[in-house]
Amino acid sequence: MKKLFLTGMVSLLVFSCSKKENSEVQSTDSVDVPTPVVANVSGQALIESSDCMACHNADERMIGPSYKEIAAKYSEKDIETLASKIIEGGSGVWGDVPMQAHPQFSKDDAKKMVEYILKQKK
């Protein structure tokens, strides 16, 4: 009987300790952790998986300028500036309609998107 009681107490102790460890892990899981960046994703794939195509088109002006218009106006030296515009949003360059910010993109991903757009030169 003592052996059964002792086994039960040890099991209870192990269970309560493991419960505490799990609760500690859960409390750190609630911290915002950035989504891992998938390597080798093309600028085109990033654009196609986002909401860019709702306002932009490769060939024709829609709500925003076409990619060909952007490529005609800017060059490789503007990649950093344009990547920042994708992330932070902007207005006034192409008309009155502001472009919404896209803070979910990393600077590197935004640069890939810009590089793809600049390849659309006429």
Protein backbone atom coordinates (compact mmCIF):
# COMPACT_ATOMS: atom_id res chain seq x y z
CA MET A 1 0.00 0.00 0.00
CA LYS A 2 2.84 2.39 0.88
CA LYS A 3 4.47 1.54 -2.45
CA LEU A 4 1.28 2.40 -4.35
CA PHE A 5 0.87 5.64 -2.38
CA LEU A 6 4.50 6.61 -3.00
CA THR A 7 4.18 5.87 -6.75
CA GLY A 8 1.04 8.03 -6.90
CA MET A 9 2.78 10.93 -5.12
CA VAL A 10 5.79 10.76 -7.44
CA SER A 11 3.48 10.74 -10.47
CA LEU A 12 1.59 13.72 -9.09
CA LEU A 13 4.84 15.59 -8.45
CA VAL A 14 6.11 14.89 -11.98
CA PHE A 15 2.77 15.93 -13.47
CA SER A 16 2.65 19.20 -11.52
CA CYS A 17 6.25 20.04 -12.43
CA SER A 18 5.65 19.36 -16.10
CA LYS A 19 2.50 21.48 -15.96
CA LYS A 20 4.51 24.39 -14.60
CA GLU A 21 7.10 24.02 -17.36
CA ASN A 22 4.37 24.01 -20.01
CA SER A 23 2.75 27.12 -18.58
CA GLU A 24 6.10 28.91 -18.66
CA VAL A 25 6.56 27.91 -22.29
CA GLN A 26 3.06 29.08 -23.14
CA SER A 27 3.67 32.48 -21.57
CA THR A 28 6.67 33.07 -23.84
CA ASP A 29 4.76 31.80 -26.87
CA SER A 30 2.45 34.81 -26.70
CA VAL A 31 5.34 37.13 -27.57
CA ASP A 32 5.14 38.41 -31.15
CA VAL A 33 7.70 36.51 -33.16
CA PRO A 34 8.30 37.65 -36.73
CA THR A 35 7.31 35.25 -39.46
CA PRO A 36 10.42 33.60 -40.82
CA VAL A 37 11.51 34.90 -44.19
CA VAL A 38 11.56 32.25 -46.88
CA ALA A 39 14.77 32.48 -48.85
CA ASN A 40 14.83 32.76 -52.63
CA VAL A 41 11.30 34.11 -53.06
CA SER A 42 11.19 36.19 -56.21
CA GLY A 43 9.94 39.75 -56.38
CA GLN A 44 7.26 38.63 -58.78
CA ALA A 45 6.03 35.94 -56.36
CA LEU A 46 5.96 38.47 -53.51
CA ILE A 47 3.90 40.87 -55.61
CA GLU A 48 1.51 38.15 -56.75
CA SER A 49 0.95 36.95 -53.19
CA SER A 50 0.19 40.44 -51.91
CA ASP A 51 -2.51 43.00 -52.63
CA CYS A 52 -0.36 44.92 -55.16
CA MET A 53 -2.34 43.70 -58.15
CA ALA A 54 -5.49 45.35 -56.78
CA CYS A 55 -4.04 48.76 -57.70
CA HIS A 56 -1.19 48.02 -60.14
CA ASN A 57 -0.87 46.17 -63.41
CA ALA A 58 2.20 45.36 -65.45
CA ASP A 59 1.05 47.24 -68.55
CA GLU A 60 -1.87 49.56 -67.76
CA ARG A 61 -2.49 52.28 -65.21
CA MET A 62 -5.20 51.31 -62.75
CA ILE A 63 -5.63 52.99 -59.36
CA GLY A 64 -1.85 53.31 -59.27
CA PRO A 65 0.74 53.43 -62.05
CA SER A 66 1.62 50.39 -64.11
CA TYR A 67 4.90 48.64 -63.42
CA LYS A 68 6.14 49.81 -66.82
CA GLU A 69 5.41 53.44 -65.90
CA ILE A 70 7.28 53.03 -62.61
CA ALA A 71 10.21 51.37 -64.40
CA ALA A 72 10.34 54.22 -66.94
CA LYS A 73 10.46 56.86 -64.21
CA TYR A 74 12.95 55.23 -61.82
CA SER A 75 16.31 53.45 -62.05
CA GLU A 76 18.46 51.07 -60.03
CA LYS A 77 19.65 53.95 -57.84
CA ASP A 78 16.07 54.37 -56.57
CA ILE A 79 15.65 50.82 -55.22
CA GLU A 80 16.13 51.84 -51.59
CA THR A 81 13.66 54.74 -51.87
CA LEU A 82 11.02 52.68 -53.63
CA ALA A 83 11.40 49.80 -51.17
CA SER A 84 10.75 52.27 -48.35
CA LYS A 85 7.64 53.52 -50.17
CA ILE A 86 6.29 49.97 -50.39
CA ILE A 87 6.78 49.48 -46.66
CA GLU A 88 5.73 52.96 -45.46
CA GLY A 89 3.21 53.91 -48.14
CA GLY A 90 3.16 57.24 -49.92
CA SER A 91 1.21 59.78 -51.91
CA GLY A 92 1.51 62.66 -54.31
CA VAL A 93 3.95 61.24 -56.85
CA TRP A 94 1.36 59.58 -59.12
CA GLY A 95 -1.78 61.50 -58.16
CA ASP A 96 -4.04 62.04 -55.20
CA VAL A 97 -4.71 58.42 -54.26
CA PRO A 98 -2.26 57.36 -51.53
CA MET A 99 -0.60 53.97 -51.59
CA GLN A 100 -1.22 52.09 -48.38
CA ALA A 101 1.71 51.00 -46.23
CA HIS A 102 2.86 47.38 -46.33
CA PRO A 103 4.82 46.97 -43.08
CA GLN A 104 4.57 43.18 -43.31
CA PHE A 105 7.34 43.19 -45.92
CA SER A 106 10.97 43.19 -44.89
CA LYS A 107 13.30 45.69 -46.54
CA ASP A 108 14.94 42.85 -48.50
CA ASP A 109 11.59 41.59 -49.79
CA ALA A 110 10.52 45.10 -50.78
CA LYS A 111 13.81 45.50 -52.68
CA LYS A 112 13.14 42.24 -54.55
CA MET A 113 9.73 43.60 -55.52
CA VAL A 114 11.26 46.86 -56.77
CA GLU A 115 13.92 45.00 -58.73
CA TYR A 116 11.19 42.98 -60.44
CA ILE A 117 9.21 46.15 -61.24
CA LEU A 118 12.28 47.91 -62.67
CA LYS A 119 12.83 44.96 -65.04
CA GLN A 120 9.54 45.90 -66.70
CA LYS A 121 11.11 48.78 -68.63
CA LYS A 122 9.55 49.29 -72.06
